[in-house]
């Protein structure tokens, strides 16, 4: 059985490092989707697909045209796309900012999950893992738009996990608190050892995909990281 992997947001801080992890694993084909998917690899099985504004269904449909279904294929998808907006109370939050968080964090994931499900339906099996956030589980002040969009995303994943049984599709999510990226280091000074590393996330997701046929409907919280000397 062939294993093919799709990574959305492959040019981002998480997606780029995670892609480097996955390229070293035993996938027959890897598709890197992103507007800046610049992961370098000599592996001929890696294909870069440029995409823009995945909150529009037509763009998502075009992206999936790069992938061919097959009853001899198992598909995996890691979605790293997301955004953050915060720092304001609810009564200070503009409707446009609220809508943008849902568009970026929920609508894109819904469309990707929808069309990935159709791909898996016409293949042997599949598994999707989406990047949520700890704030979607435990609300924080001044993060209403962000937290609400991630909470809705978590509901989407859990629903897909139930419905996916019909087409041999499993669905899970990770819910990190802080990912160790250059941008997060800029605005969150402190103990960077507590930030979960993108490469660690890549290894974790790969482990879930290796056992995708019985890991389903989980929201894996990634917080309180510590180093062991």
N, C-alpha and C. Protein backbone atom coordinates (compact mmCIF):
# COMPACT_ATOMS: atom_id res chain seq x y z
N UNK A 1 0.85 -1.19 0.00
CA UNK A 1 0.00 0.00 0.00
C UNK A 1 0.89 1.25 0.00
N UNK A 2 0.61 2.18 -0.88
CA UNK A 2 1.39 3.42 -0.97
C UNK A 2 0.92 4.41 0.08
N UNK A 3 1.88 5.21 0.60
CA UNK A 3 1.57 6.23 1.59
C UNK A 3 1.90 7.60 1.00
N UNK A 4 0.88 8.47 0.92
CA UNK A 4 1.10 9.81 0.41
C UNK A 4 0.68 10.84 1.45
N UNK A 5 1.52 11.88 1.60
CA UNK A 5 1.33 12.88 2.65
C UNK A 5 1.13 14.26 2.04
N UNK A 6 0.15 14.99 2.58
CA UNK A 6 -0.12 16.37 2.18
C UNK A 6 0.15 17.27 3.38
N UNK A 7 0.94 18.32 3.18
CA UNK A 7 1.21 19.28 4.25
C UNK A 7 0.76 20.65 3.78
N UNK A 8 -0.20 21.22 4.49
CA UNK A 8 -0.68 22.56 4.17
C UNK A 8 -0.03 23.58 5.10
N UNK A 9 0.39 24.70 4.52
CA UNK A 9 1.14 25.69 5.28
C UNK A 9 2.61 25.32 5.36
N UNK A 10 3.12 24.67 4.31
CA UNK A 10 4.48 24.13 4.34
C UNK A 10 5.56 25.21 4.34
N UNK A 11 5.20 26.45 4.03
CA UNK A 11 6.19 27.51 4.05
C UNK A 11 6.23 28.28 5.35
N UNK A 12 5.33 27.96 6.28
CA UNK A 12 5.28 28.66 7.56
C UNK A 12 6.31 28.14 8.54
N UNK A 13 6.37 28.78 9.71
CA UNK A 13 7.38 28.44 10.71
C UNK A 13 7.25 27.00 11.19
N UNK A 14 6.03 26.54 11.42
CA UNK A 14 5.81 25.15 11.83
C UNK A 14 5.88 24.22 10.62
N UNK A 15 5.20 24.58 9.56
CA UNK A 15 5.11 23.71 8.39
C UNK A 15 6.45 23.42 7.75
N UNK A 16 7.32 24.41 7.71
CA UNK A 16 8.62 24.23 7.05
C UNK A 16 9.49 23.22 7.79
N UNK A 17 9.57 23.38 9.12
CA UNK A 17 10.39 22.46 9.91
C UNK A 17 9.77 21.07 9.94
N UNK A 18 8.45 21.00 10.09
CA UNK A 18 7.77 19.70 10.10
C UNK A 18 7.98 18.98 8.77
N UNK A 19 7.97 19.73 7.68
CA UNK A 19 8.19 19.13 6.36
C UNK A 19 9.57 18.49 6.29
N UNK A 20 10.55 19.15 6.85
CA UNK A 20 11.91 18.61 6.85
C UNK A 20 11.97 17.29 7.62
N UNK A 21 11.15 17.19 8.67
CA UNK A 21 11.07 15.94 9.43
C UNK A 21 10.43 14.85 8.58
N UNK A 22 9.31 15.17 7.96
CA UNK A 22 8.55 14.18 7.20
C UNK A 22 9.31 13.67 5.97
N UNK A 23 10.10 14.54 5.36
CA UNK A 23 10.84 14.15 4.16
C UNK A 23 11.78 12.98 4.43
N UNK A 24 12.22 12.85 5.68
CA UNK A 24 13.14 11.78 6.05
C UNK A 24 12.41 10.47 6.38
N UNK A 25 11.09 10.50 6.37
CA UNK A 25 10.31 9.31 6.72
C UNK A 25 9.96 8.51 5.46
N UNK A 26 9.18 7.46 5.65
CA UNK A 26 8.97 6.49 4.57
C UNK A 26 7.69 6.73 3.76
N UNK A 27 7.45 7.97 3.35
CA UNK A 27 6.29 8.26 2.51
C UNK A 27 6.68 8.11 1.04
N UNK A 28 5.77 7.57 0.25
CA UNK A 28 6.04 7.38 -1.18
C UNK A 28 5.96 8.70 -1.95
N UNK A 29 5.14 9.62 -1.43
CA UNK A 29 4.99 10.91 -2.10
C UNK A 29 4.60 11.94 -1.05
N UNK A 30 5.17 13.15 -1.15
CA UNK A 30 4.84 14.23 -0.23
C UNK A 30 4.49 15.47 -1.05
N UNK A 31 3.35 16.07 -0.75
CA UNK A 31 2.92 17.30 -1.39
C UNK A 31 3.03 18.44 -0.38
N UNK A 32 3.75 19.49 -0.74
CA UNK A 32 3.92 20.65 0.13
C UNK A 32 3.09 21.81 -0.43
N UNK A 33 2.03 22.17 0.28
CA UNK A 33 1.14 23.24 -0.15
C UNK A 33 1.44 24.52 0.61
N UNK A 34 1.65 25.62 -0.12
CA UNK A 34 1.88 26.89 0.54
C UNK A 34 2.23 27.97 -0.45
N UNK A 35 2.02 29.22 -0.05
CA UNK A 35 2.39 30.33 -0.93
C UNK A 35 3.89 30.54 -0.93
N UNK A 36 4.56 30.02 0.11
CA UNK A 36 6.02 30.14 0.21
C UNK A 36 6.62 28.79 0.60
N UNK A 37 6.17 27.76 -0.06
CA UNK A 37 6.66 26.42 0.27
C UNK A 37 8.07 26.26 -0.29
N UNK A 38 9.05 26.54 0.54
CA UNK A 38 10.44 26.58 0.09
C UNK A 38 11.30 25.48 0.69
N UNK A 39 10.70 24.39 1.10
CA UNK A 39 11.47 23.30 1.67
C UNK A 39 12.33 22.68 0.58
N UNK A 40 13.62 22.63 0.82
CA UNK A 40 14.54 22.08 -0.18
C UNK A 40 14.75 20.59 0.07
N UNK A 41 14.68 19.82 -0.98
CA UNK A 41 14.91 18.38 -0.87
C UNK A 41 15.34 17.82 -2.21
N UNK A 42 16.25 16.87 -2.16
CA UNK A 42 16.67 16.18 -3.38
C UNK A 42 15.75 14.99 -3.68
N UNK A 43 14.81 14.78 -2.78
CA UNK A 43 13.87 13.69 -2.92
C UNK A 43 12.90 13.98 -4.07
N UNK A 44 12.93 13.17 -5.11
CA UNK A 44 12.08 13.39 -6.26
C UNK A 44 10.61 13.13 -5.96
N UNK A 45 10.35 12.54 -4.79
CA UNK A 45 8.96 12.25 -4.44
C UNK A 45 8.28 13.43 -3.76
N UNK A 46 8.98 14.55 -3.62
CA UNK A 46 8.42 15.74 -2.98
C UNK A 46 7.97 16.73 -4.05
N UNK A 47 6.70 17.14 -3.97
CA UNK A 47 6.15 18.08 -4.95
C UNK A 47 5.62 19.32 -4.24
N UNK A 48 6.04 20.48 -4.70
CA UNK A 48 5.58 21.75 -4.14
C UNK A 48 4.39 22.28 -4.93
N UNK A 49 3.34 22.67 -4.22
CA UNK A 49 2.13 23.20 -4.86
C UNK A 49 1.84 24.58 -4.28
N UNK A 50 1.91 25.61 -5.10
CA UNK A 50 1.63 26.96 -4.64
C UNK A 50 0.13 27.20 -4.55
N UNK A 51 -0.31 27.73 -3.41
CA UNK A 51 -1.73 28.00 -3.20
C UNK A 51 -1.89 29.38 -2.56
N UNK A 52 -3.07 29.94 -2.71
CA UNK A 52 -3.38 31.24 -2.10
C UNK A 52 -4.83 31.24 -1.62
N UNK A 53 -5.06 31.90 -0.50
CA UNK A 53 -6.39 32.13 0.06
C UNK A 53 -7.25 30.87 0.06
N UNK A 54 -6.93 29.97 0.95
CA UNK A 54 -7.65 28.70 1.02
C UNK A 54 -8.98 28.80 1.77
N UNK A 55 -9.41 30.02 2.06
CA UNK A 55 -10.77 30.19 2.57
C UNK A 55 -11.77 30.24 1.42
N UNK A 56 -11.25 30.23 0.18
CA UNK A 56 -12.10 30.16 -1.02
C UNK A 56 -12.11 28.72 -1.52
N UNK A 57 -13.29 28.14 -1.66
CA UNK A 57 -13.38 26.72 -2.01
C UNK A 57 -12.76 26.42 -3.38
N UNK A 58 -12.89 27.33 -4.31
CA UNK A 58 -12.33 27.09 -5.64
C UNK A 58 -10.82 26.89 -5.57
N UNK A 59 -10.15 27.62 -4.69
CA UNK A 59 -8.70 27.48 -4.55
C UNK A 59 -8.34 26.15 -3.91
N UNK A 60 -9.16 25.69 -2.98
CA UNK A 60 -8.91 24.39 -2.35
C UNK A 60 -9.12 23.27 -3.36
N UNK A 61 -10.16 23.39 -4.16
CA UNK A 61 -10.43 22.40 -5.21
C UNK A 61 -9.24 22.32 -6.15
N UNK A 62 -8.71 23.47 -6.56
CA UNK A 62 -7.55 23.49 -7.45
C UNK A 62 -6.33 22.83 -6.81
N UNK A 63 -6.14 23.06 -5.51
CA UNK A 63 -5.01 22.46 -4.80
C UNK A 63 -5.07 20.94 -4.83
N UNK A 64 -6.26 20.39 -4.62
CA UNK A 64 -6.41 18.94 -4.56
C UNK A 64 -6.34 18.27 -5.94
N UNK A 65 -6.39 19.07 -7.00
CA UNK A 65 -6.23 18.51 -8.33
C UNK A 65 -4.83 17.94 -8.54
N UNK A 66 -3.89 18.34 -7.69
CA UNK A 66 -2.51 17.84 -7.79
C UNK A 66 -2.38 16.41 -7.29
N UNK A 67 -3.40 15.93 -6.57
CA UNK A 67 -3.33 14.62 -5.92
C UNK A 67 -4.31 13.66 -6.59
N UNK A 68 -3.83 12.46 -6.86
CA UNK A 68 -4.66 11.45 -7.52
C UNK A 68 -5.08 10.37 -6.53
N UNK A 69 -6.39 10.13 -6.36
CA UNK A 69 -6.84 9.08 -5.45
C UNK A 69 -6.48 7.70 -5.99
N UNK A 70 -6.56 6.69 -5.13
CA UNK A 70 -6.28 5.32 -5.57
C UNK A 70 -6.59 4.33 -4.47
N UNK A 71 -7.17 3.22 -4.84
CA UNK A 71 -7.51 2.20 -3.85
C UNK A 71 -6.27 1.51 -3.29
N UNK A 72 -5.11 1.80 -3.87
CA UNK A 72 -3.85 1.26 -3.38
C UNK A 72 -3.07 2.31 -2.58
N UNK A 73 -3.77 3.39 -2.17
CA UNK A 73 -3.10 4.50 -1.48
C UNK A 73 -3.76 4.82 -0.14
N UNK A 74 -2.92 5.14 0.85
CA UNK A 74 -3.38 5.69 2.13
C UNK A 74 -2.88 7.13 2.18
N UNK A 75 -3.79 8.06 2.42
CA UNK A 75 -3.43 9.47 2.44
C UNK A 75 -3.38 10.03 3.86
N UNK A 76 -2.41 10.92 4.07
CA UNK A 76 -2.25 11.60 5.35
C UNK A 76 -2.18 13.09 5.08
N UNK A 77 -2.75 13.88 5.98
CA UNK A 77 -2.73 15.33 5.82
C UNK A 77 -2.44 16.00 7.15
N UNK A 78 -1.45 16.89 7.14
CA UNK A 78 -1.12 17.71 8.30
C UNK A 78 -1.37 19.16 7.93
N UNK A 79 -2.33 19.79 8.60
CA UNK A 79 -2.68 21.18 8.32
C UNK A 79 -2.09 22.08 9.40
N UNK A 80 -1.12 22.92 9.01
CA UNK A 80 -0.48 23.83 9.96
C UNK A 80 -0.98 25.26 9.81
N UNK A 81 -1.95 25.47 8.93
CA UNK A 81 -2.42 26.83 8.65
C UNK A 81 -3.20 27.38 9.85
N UNK A 82 -2.93 28.62 10.18
CA UNK A 82 -3.64 29.28 11.27
C UNK A 82 -3.09 30.66 11.49
N UNK A 83 -3.80 31.44 12.28
CA UNK A 83 -3.35 32.79 12.57
C UNK A 83 -3.78 33.21 13.95
N UNK A 84 -3.20 34.31 14.42
CA UNK A 84 -3.50 34.78 15.78
C UNK A 84 -3.85 36.26 15.75
N UNK A 85 -4.86 36.61 16.53
CA UNK A 85 -5.21 38.00 16.78
C UNK A 85 -5.72 38.09 18.20
N UNK A 86 -5.19 39.02 18.97
CA UNK A 86 -5.60 39.12 20.36
C UNK A 86 -5.20 40.47 20.96
N UNK A 87 -5.33 40.54 22.28
CA UNK A 87 -4.95 41.76 22.98
C UNK A 87 -6.08 42.74 23.21
N UNK A 88 -7.31 42.35 22.82
CA UNK A 88 -8.45 43.24 23.00
C UNK A 88 -9.59 42.54 23.72
N UNK A 89 -10.31 43.29 24.54
CA UNK A 89 -11.54 42.76 25.13
C UNK A 89 -12.59 42.58 24.05
N UNK A 90 -13.63 41.81 24.36
CA UNK A 90 -14.69 41.56 23.38
C UNK A 90 -15.31 42.87 22.90
N UNK A 91 -15.54 43.82 23.82
CA UNK A 91 -16.18 45.07 23.42
C UNK A 91 -15.26 45.99 22.62
N UNK A 92 -13.98 45.62 22.54
CA UNK A 92 -13.03 46.40 21.73
C UNK A 92 -12.73 45.73 20.39
N UNK A 93 -13.22 44.51 20.22
CA UNK A 93 -12.90 43.72 19.03
C UNK A 93 -13.79 44.09 17.86
N UNK A 94 -13.16 44.40 16.73
CA UNK A 94 -13.91 44.72 15.52
C UNK A 94 -14.49 43.44 14.91
N UNK A 95 -15.66 43.57 14.33
CA UNK A 95 -16.31 42.42 13.68
C UNK A 95 -15.40 41.85 12.60
N UNK A 96 -14.71 42.70 11.87
CA UNK A 96 -13.82 42.25 10.81
C UNK A 96 -12.70 41.36 11.35
N UNK A 97 -12.16 41.72 12.52
CA UNK A 97 -11.10 40.91 13.14
C UNK A 97 -11.65 39.55 13.57
N UNK A 98 -12.86 39.56 14.10
CA UNK A 98 -13.50 38.31 14.53
C UNK A 98 -13.74 37.40 13.32
N UNK A 99 -14.26 37.98 12.24
CA UNK A 99 -14.52 37.21 11.03
C UNK A 99 -13.23 36.67 10.42
N UNK A 100 -12.17 37.45 10.46
CA UNK A 100 -10.90 37.01 9.88
C UNK A 100 -10.33 35.80 10.62
N UNK A 101 -10.50 35.76 11.95
CA UNK A 101 -10.01 34.62 12.71
C UNK A 101 -10.77 33.35 12.32
N UNK A 102 -12.07 33.47 12.12
CA UNK A 102 -12.86 32.30 11.72
C UNK A 102 -12.54 31.88 10.29
N UNK A 103 -12.26 32.87 9.45
CA UNK A 103 -11.92 32.56 8.06
C UNK A 103 -10.59 31.81 8.00
N UNK A 104 -9.59 32.29 8.75
CA UNK A 104 -8.25 31.70 8.69
C UNK A 104 -8.16 30.39 9.47
N UNK A 105 -8.75 30.35 10.67
CA UNK A 105 -8.58 29.20 11.54
C UNK A 105 -9.64 28.11 11.37
N UNK A 106 -10.81 28.48 10.92
CA UNK A 106 -11.89 27.50 10.81
C UNK A 106 -12.28 27.19 9.36
N UNK A 107 -12.56 28.24 8.59
CA UNK A 107 -13.06 28.00 7.24
C UNK A 107 -12.05 27.27 6.36
N UNK A 108 -10.77 27.67 6.44
CA UNK A 108 -9.75 26.98 5.64
C UNK A 108 -9.66 25.51 6.04
N UNK A 109 -9.69 25.24 7.33
CA UNK A 109 -9.61 23.84 7.79
C UNK A 109 -10.83 23.04 7.39
N UNK A 110 -12.01 23.68 7.43
CA UNK A 110 -13.23 23.00 6.99
C UNK A 110 -13.11 22.59 5.52
N UNK A 111 -12.67 23.52 4.68
CA UNK A 111 -12.58 23.23 3.25
C UNK A 111 -11.51 22.18 2.95
N UNK A 112 -10.37 22.28 3.64
CA UNK A 112 -9.32 21.28 3.46
C UNK A 112 -9.81 19.91 3.91
N UNK A 113 -10.48 19.87 5.06
CA UNK A 113 -11.00 18.60 5.58
C UNK A 113 -12.07 18.02 4.65
N UNK A 114 -12.91 18.88 4.12
CA UNK A 114 -13.98 18.43 3.21
C UNK A 114 -13.39 17.74 1.98
N UNK A 115 -12.44 18.40 1.33
CA UNK A 115 -11.92 17.86 0.07
C UNK A 115 -10.90 16.74 0.31
N UNK A 116 -10.27 16.73 1.47
CA UNK A 116 -9.44 15.59 1.81
C UNK A 116 -10.31 14.36 2.06
N UNK A 117 -11.45 14.56 2.69
CA UNK A 117 -12.38 13.45 2.93
C UNK A 117 -12.84 12.83 1.61
N UNK A 118 -13.10 13.66 0.62
CA UNK A 118 -13.51 13.15 -0.69
C UNK A 118 -12.38 12.37 -1.35
N UNK A 119 -11.15 12.82 -1.13
CA UNK A 119 -9.98 12.09 -1.65
C UNK A 119 -9.87 10.73 -0.98
N UNK A 120 -10.00 10.69 0.33
CA UNK A 120 -9.90 9.44 1.08
C UNK A 120 -11.05 8.50 0.73
N UNK A 121 -12.23 9.06 0.51
CA UNK A 121 -13.40 8.25 0.16
C UNK A 121 -13.15 7.42 -1.09
N UNK A 122 -12.32 7.94 -1.99
CA UNK A 122 -12.01 7.25 -3.23
C UNK A 122 -10.66 6.53 -3.18
N UNK A 123 -10.15 6.34 -1.96
CA UNK A 123 -8.86 5.68 -1.77
C UNK A 123 -9.01 4.59 -0.71
N UNK A 124 -7.89 4.04 -0.25
CA UNK A 124 -7.96 2.94 0.71
C UNK A 124 -8.33 3.40 2.11
N UNK A 125 -7.72 4.49 2.56
CA UNK A 125 -7.94 5.00 3.92
C UNK A 125 -7.19 6.31 4.06
N UNK A 126 -7.31 6.95 5.22
CA UNK A 126 -6.60 8.20 5.41
C UNK A 126 -6.69 8.71 6.83
N UNK A 127 -5.89 9.75 7.08
CA UNK A 127 -5.89 10.37 8.40
C UNK A 127 -5.52 11.84 8.25
N UNK A 128 -6.19 12.69 9.00
CA UNK A 128 -5.92 14.13 8.98
C UNK A 128 -5.60 14.60 10.39
N UNK A 129 -4.63 15.49 10.49
CA UNK A 129 -4.31 16.11 11.77
C UNK A 129 -4.25 17.62 11.57
N UNK A 130 -5.01 18.33 12.39
CA UNK A 130 -5.17 19.77 12.26
C UNK A 130 -4.56 20.47 13.47
N UNK A 131 -4.00 21.65 13.25
CA UNK A 131 -3.39 22.43 14.34
C UNK A 131 -4.44 23.33 14.98
N UNK A 132 -4.84 22.98 16.19
CA UNK A 132 -5.76 23.81 16.97
C UNK A 132 -4.94 24.65 17.94
N UNK A 133 -5.44 24.89 19.14
CA UNK A 133 -4.70 25.68 20.14
C UNK A 133 -5.26 25.40 21.52
N UNK A 134 -4.41 25.50 22.52
CA UNK A 134 -4.85 25.28 23.89
C UNK A 134 -5.92 26.29 24.30
N UNK A 135 -5.86 27.49 23.73
CA UNK A 135 -6.86 28.51 24.03
C UNK A 135 -8.25 28.09 23.57
N UNK A 136 -8.33 27.18 22.62
CA UNK A 136 -9.62 26.66 22.18
C UNK A 136 -10.25 25.74 23.20
N UNK A 137 -9.45 25.27 24.16
CA UNK A 137 -9.94 24.40 25.23
C UNK A 137 -10.09 25.19 26.53
N UNK A 138 -9.07 25.97 26.84
CA UNK A 138 -9.05 26.79 28.05
C UNK A 138 -9.02 28.26 27.67
N UNK A 139 -10.14 28.97 27.75
CA UNK A 139 -10.20 30.37 27.30
C UNK A 139 -9.24 31.28 28.05
N UNK A 140 -8.70 32.25 27.32
CA UNK A 140 -7.86 33.30 27.88
C UNK A 140 -8.53 34.64 27.64
N UNK A 141 -8.35 35.57 28.58
CA UNK A 141 -8.86 36.92 28.39
C UNK A 141 -8.16 37.57 27.20
N UNK A 142 -8.91 38.38 26.49
CA UNK A 142 -8.42 39.16 25.36
C UNK A 142 -7.97 38.29 24.18
N UNK A 143 -8.57 37.10 24.09
CA UNK A 143 -8.31 36.22 22.95
C UNK A 143 -9.62 35.61 22.44
N UNK A 144 -10.71 36.36 22.55
CA UNK A 144 -12.03 35.79 22.26
C UNK A 144 -12.15 35.30 20.82
N UNK A 145 -11.76 36.13 19.86
CA UNK A 145 -11.90 35.74 18.45
C UNK A 145 -11.03 34.54 18.13
N UNK A 146 -9.79 34.58 18.58
CA UNK A 146 -8.86 33.48 18.34
C UNK A 146 -9.34 32.21 19.01
N UNK A 147 -9.68 32.31 20.30
CA UNK A 147 -10.11 31.14 21.06
C UNK A 147 -11.40 30.53 20.54
N UNK A 148 -12.35 31.37 20.16
CA UNK A 148 -13.63 30.88 19.65
C UNK A 148 -13.43 30.14 18.33
N UNK A 149 -12.55 30.67 17.47
CA UNK A 149 -12.31 30.01 16.18
C UNK A 149 -11.63 28.66 16.38
N UNK A 150 -10.72 28.58 17.34
CA UNK A 150 -10.03 27.32 17.60
C UNK A 150 -10.95 26.33 18.31
N UNK A 151 -11.85 26.82 19.15
CA UNK A 151 -12.82 25.93 19.81
C UNK A 151 -13.75 25.32 18.76
N UNK A 152 -14.19 26.13 17.82
CA UNK A 152 -15.04 25.61 16.74
C UNK A 152 -14.27 24.60 15.89
N UNK A 153 -12.98 24.86 15.69
CA UNK A 153 -12.14 23.94 14.93
C UNK A 153 -12.04 22.58 15.63
N UNK A 154 -11.91 22.60 16.94
CA UNK A 154 -11.86 21.37 17.72
C UNK A 154 -13.16 20.58 17.56
N UNK A 155 -14.28 21.28 17.59
CA UNK A 155 -15.58 20.62 17.38
C UNK A 155 -15.64 19.98 15.99
N UNK A 156 -15.11 20.68 15.01
CA UNK A 156 -15.08 20.16 13.64
C UNK A 156 -14.29 18.86 13.57
N UNK A 157 -13.12 18.85 14.21
CA UNK A 157 -12.26 17.66 14.20
C UNK A 157 -12.96 16.47 14.86
N UNK A 158 -13.59 16.71 16.01
CA UNK A 158 -14.27 15.63 16.71
C UNK A 158 -15.45 15.08 15.91
N UNK A 159 -16.14 15.96 15.20
CA UNK A 159 -17.24 15.52 14.35
C UNK A 159 -16.74 14.70 13.18
N UNK A 160 -15.65 15.18 12.57
CA UNK A 160 -15.07 14.45 11.44
C UNK A 160 -14.58 13.07 11.88
N UNK A 161 -14.07 12.97 13.10
CA UNK A 161 -13.62 11.68 13.62
C UNK A 161 -14.77 10.67 13.68
N UNK A 162 -15.96 11.16 14.00
CA UNK A 162 -17.14 10.29 14.05
C UNK A 162 -17.60 9.92 12.64
N UNK A 163 -17.72 10.92 11.80
CA UNK A 163 -18.22 10.68 10.45
C UNK A 163 -17.22 9.91 9.59
N UNK A 164 -15.93 10.10 9.88
CA UNK A 164 -14.89 9.48 9.06
C UNK A 164 -14.85 7.97 9.12
N UNK A 165 -15.44 7.39 10.16
CA UNK A 165 -15.45 5.93 10.28
C UNK A 165 -16.09 5.28 9.05
N UNK A 166 -17.02 6.00 8.44
CA UNK A 166 -17.74 5.49 7.27
C UNK A 166 -16.81 5.33 6.05
N UNK A 167 -15.75 6.14 6.00
CA UNK A 167 -14.87 6.11 4.83
C UNK A 167 -13.42 5.75 5.20
N UNK A 168 -13.23 5.16 6.38
CA UNK A 168 -11.90 4.75 6.85
C UNK A 168 -10.96 5.94 6.99
N UNK A 169 -11.48 7.00 7.58
CA UNK A 169 -10.73 8.23 7.82
C UNK A 169 -10.70 8.53 9.31
N UNK A 170 -9.51 8.79 9.85
CA UNK A 170 -9.39 9.22 11.24
C UNK A 170 -8.99 10.69 11.27
N UNK A 171 -9.38 11.39 12.35
CA UNK A 171 -9.10 12.82 12.48
C UNK A 171 -8.68 13.14 13.91
N UNK A 172 -7.63 13.90 14.03
CA UNK A 172 -7.12 14.33 15.33
C UNK A 172 -6.62 15.76 15.23
N UNK A 173 -6.28 16.35 16.37
CA UNK A 173 -5.72 17.70 16.37
C UNK A 173 -4.68 17.81 17.47
N UNK A 174 -3.74 18.72 17.27
CA UNK A 174 -2.84 19.10 18.35
C UNK A 174 -3.29 20.46 18.86
N UNK A 175 -3.10 20.71 20.15
CA UNK A 175 -3.49 21.98 20.75
C UNK A 175 -2.30 22.54 21.52
N UNK A 176 -1.37 23.18 20.81
CA UNK A 176 -0.19 23.73 21.49
C UNK A 176 -0.52 25.02 22.23
N UNK A 177 0.27 25.32 23.26
CA UNK A 177 0.18 26.61 23.94
C UNK A 177 1.08 27.60 23.21
N UNK A 178 2.39 27.35 23.20
CA UNK A 178 3.31 28.20 22.45
C UNK A 178 4.27 27.31 21.65
N UNK A 179 4.36 27.57 20.35
CA UNK A 179 5.32 26.86 19.50
C UNK A 179 6.58 27.71 19.39
N UNK A 180 7.72 27.08 19.44
CA UNK A 180 8.99 27.79 19.41
C UNK A 180 9.31 28.26 17.99
N UNK A 181 8.83 29.45 17.66
CA UNK A 181 9.09 30.07 16.37
C UNK A 181 9.74 31.44 16.60
N UNK A 182 10.43 31.99 15.61
CA UNK A 182 11.05 33.31 15.78
C UNK A 182 10.04 34.38 16.19
N UNK A 183 8.84 34.34 15.61
CA UNK A 183 7.83 35.34 15.93
C UNK A 183 7.39 35.23 17.39
N UNK A 184 7.20 34.00 17.88
CA UNK A 184 6.77 33.82 19.27
C UNK A 184 7.86 34.21 20.25
N UNK A 185 9.11 34.01 19.89
CA UNK A 185 10.21 34.43 20.76
C UNK A 185 10.28 35.95 20.89
N UNK A 186 9.83 36.63 19.83
CA UNK A 186 9.86 38.09 19.85
C UNK A 186 8.88 38.68 20.85
N UNK A 187 7.66 38.12 20.86
CA UNK A 187 6.63 38.73 21.69
C UNK A 187 6.40 38.01 23.01
N UNK A 188 7.03 36.85 23.21
CA UNK A 188 6.91 36.14 24.48
C UNK A 188 8.30 35.87 25.04
N UNK A 189 8.84 36.86 25.73
CA UNK A 189 10.16 36.70 26.33
C UNK A 189 10.05 35.75 27.52
N UNK A 190 11.09 34.97 27.74
CA UNK A 190 11.06 34.09 28.90
C UNK A 190 11.81 32.80 28.67
N UNK A 191 11.29 31.74 29.26
CA UNK A 191 11.93 30.43 29.20
C UNK A 191 11.53 29.72 27.91
N UNK A 192 12.39 29.78 26.91
CA UNK A 192 12.07 29.17 25.62
C UNK A 192 12.06 27.65 25.70
N UNK A 193 12.65 27.08 26.73
CA UNK A 193 12.62 25.62 26.90
C UNK A 193 11.19 25.11 27.04
N UNK A 194 10.30 25.99 27.50
CA UNK A 194 8.90 25.60 27.69
C UNK A 194 8.10 25.62 26.39
N UNK A 195 8.70 26.17 25.33
CA UNK A 195 8.01 26.23 24.03
C UNK A 195 8.22 24.91 23.30
N UNK A 196 7.15 24.31 22.82
CA UNK A 196 7.27 23.07 22.07
C UNK A 196 7.92 23.35 20.72
N UNK A 197 8.86 22.49 20.32
CA UNK A 197 9.65 22.71 19.12
C UNK A 197 8.92 22.18 17.88
N UNK A 198 9.00 22.91 16.75
CA UNK A 198 8.35 22.43 15.52
C UNK A 198 8.80 21.03 15.10
N UNK A 199 10.08 20.71 15.27
CA UNK A 199 10.57 19.38 14.90
C UNK A 199 9.94 18.31 15.78
N UNK A 200 9.74 18.64 17.06
CA UNK A 200 9.09 17.69 17.97
C UNK A 200 7.65 17.44 17.53
N UNK A 201 6.98 18.50 17.09
CA UNK A 201 5.61 18.34 16.60
C UNK A 201 5.59 17.45 15.36
N UNK A 202 6.56 17.65 14.47
CA UNK A 202 6.65 16.81 13.28
C UNK A 202 6.79 15.34 13.63
N UNK A 203 7.65 15.04 14.59
CA UNK A 203 7.85 13.65 15.03
C UNK A 203 6.59 13.09 15.66
N UNK A 204 5.92 13.92 16.47
CA UNK A 204 4.67 13.48 17.11
C UNK A 204 3.60 13.15 16.08
N UNK A 205 3.42 14.05 15.12
CA UNK A 205 2.39 13.83 14.09
C UNK A 205 2.72 12.59 13.26
N UNK A 206 3.98 12.41 12.94
CA UNK A 206 4.37 11.22 12.19
C UNK A 206 4.05 9.95 12.98
N UNK A 207 4.27 9.98 14.29
CA UNK A 207 3.94 8.83 15.13
C UNK A 207 2.46 8.53 15.13
N UNK A 208 1.65 9.59 15.14
CA UNK A 208 0.19 9.41 15.07
C UNK A 208 -0.20 8.80 13.74
N UNK A 209 0.40 9.29 12.66
CA UNK A 209 0.10 8.74 11.34
C UNK A 209 0.52 7.28 11.21
N UNK A 210 1.59 6.92 11.90
CA UNK A 210 2.04 5.52 11.87
C UNK A 210 1.05 4.58 12.55
N UNK A 211 0.18 5.15 13.38
CA UNK A 211 -0.82 4.36 14.10
C UNK A 211 -2.23 4.92 13.86
N UNK A 212 -2.44 5.42 12.65
CA UNK A 212 -3.65 6.18 12.35
C UNK A 212 -4.93 5.35 12.44
N UNK A 213 -4.81 4.04 12.31
CA UNK A 213 -6.02 3.22 12.25
C UNK A 213 -6.69 3.00 13.60
N UNK A 214 -6.05 3.46 14.68
CA UNK A 214 -6.73 3.36 15.98
C UNK A 214 -6.58 4.61 16.84
N UNK A 215 -5.94 5.65 16.33
CA UNK A 215 -5.88 6.94 17.04
C UNK A 215 -6.86 7.88 16.34
N UNK A 216 -7.94 8.24 17.03
CA UNK A 216 -9.02 8.97 16.37
C UNK A 216 -9.78 9.83 17.38
N UNK A 217 -10.06 11.06 16.96
CA UNK A 217 -10.89 11.95 17.77
C UNK A 217 -10.18 12.58 18.95
N UNK A 218 -8.85 12.60 18.94
CA UNK A 218 -8.09 13.13 20.06
C UNK A 218 -7.65 14.58 19.82
N UNK A 219 -7.71 15.38 20.87
CA UNK A 219 -7.16 16.73 20.85
C UNK A 219 -5.97 16.69 21.81
N UNK A 220 -4.78 16.63 21.25
CA UNK A 220 -3.58 16.41 22.06
C UNK A 220 -3.01 17.74 22.53
N UNK A 221 -3.05 17.96 23.83
CA UNK A 221 -2.59 19.23 24.40
C UNK A 221 -1.07 19.24 24.53
N UNK A 222 -0.46 20.30 24.02
CA UNK A 222 1.00 20.44 24.05
C UNK A 222 1.35 21.68 24.89
N UNK A 223 1.62 21.44 26.15
CA UNK A 223 1.94 22.54 27.06
C UNK A 223 2.86 22.04 28.16
N UNK A 224 3.45 22.98 28.89
CA UNK A 224 4.29 22.64 30.04
C UNK A 224 5.46 21.76 29.66
N UNK A 225 6.08 22.05 28.53
CA UNK A 225 7.26 21.28 28.09
C UNK A 225 8.41 21.55 29.06
N UNK A 226 9.21 20.52 29.31
CA UNK A 226 10.42 20.72 30.12
C UNK A 226 11.57 19.94 29.49
N UNK A 227 12.78 20.37 29.78
CA UNK A 227 13.98 19.72 29.22
C UNK A 227 14.53 18.73 30.23
N UNK A 228 15.10 17.66 29.71
CA UNK A 228 15.75 16.67 30.55
C UNK A 228 17.24 16.65 30.17
N UNK A 229 18.08 16.96 31.12
CA UNK A 229 19.52 16.99 30.85
C UNK A 229 20.09 15.58 30.82
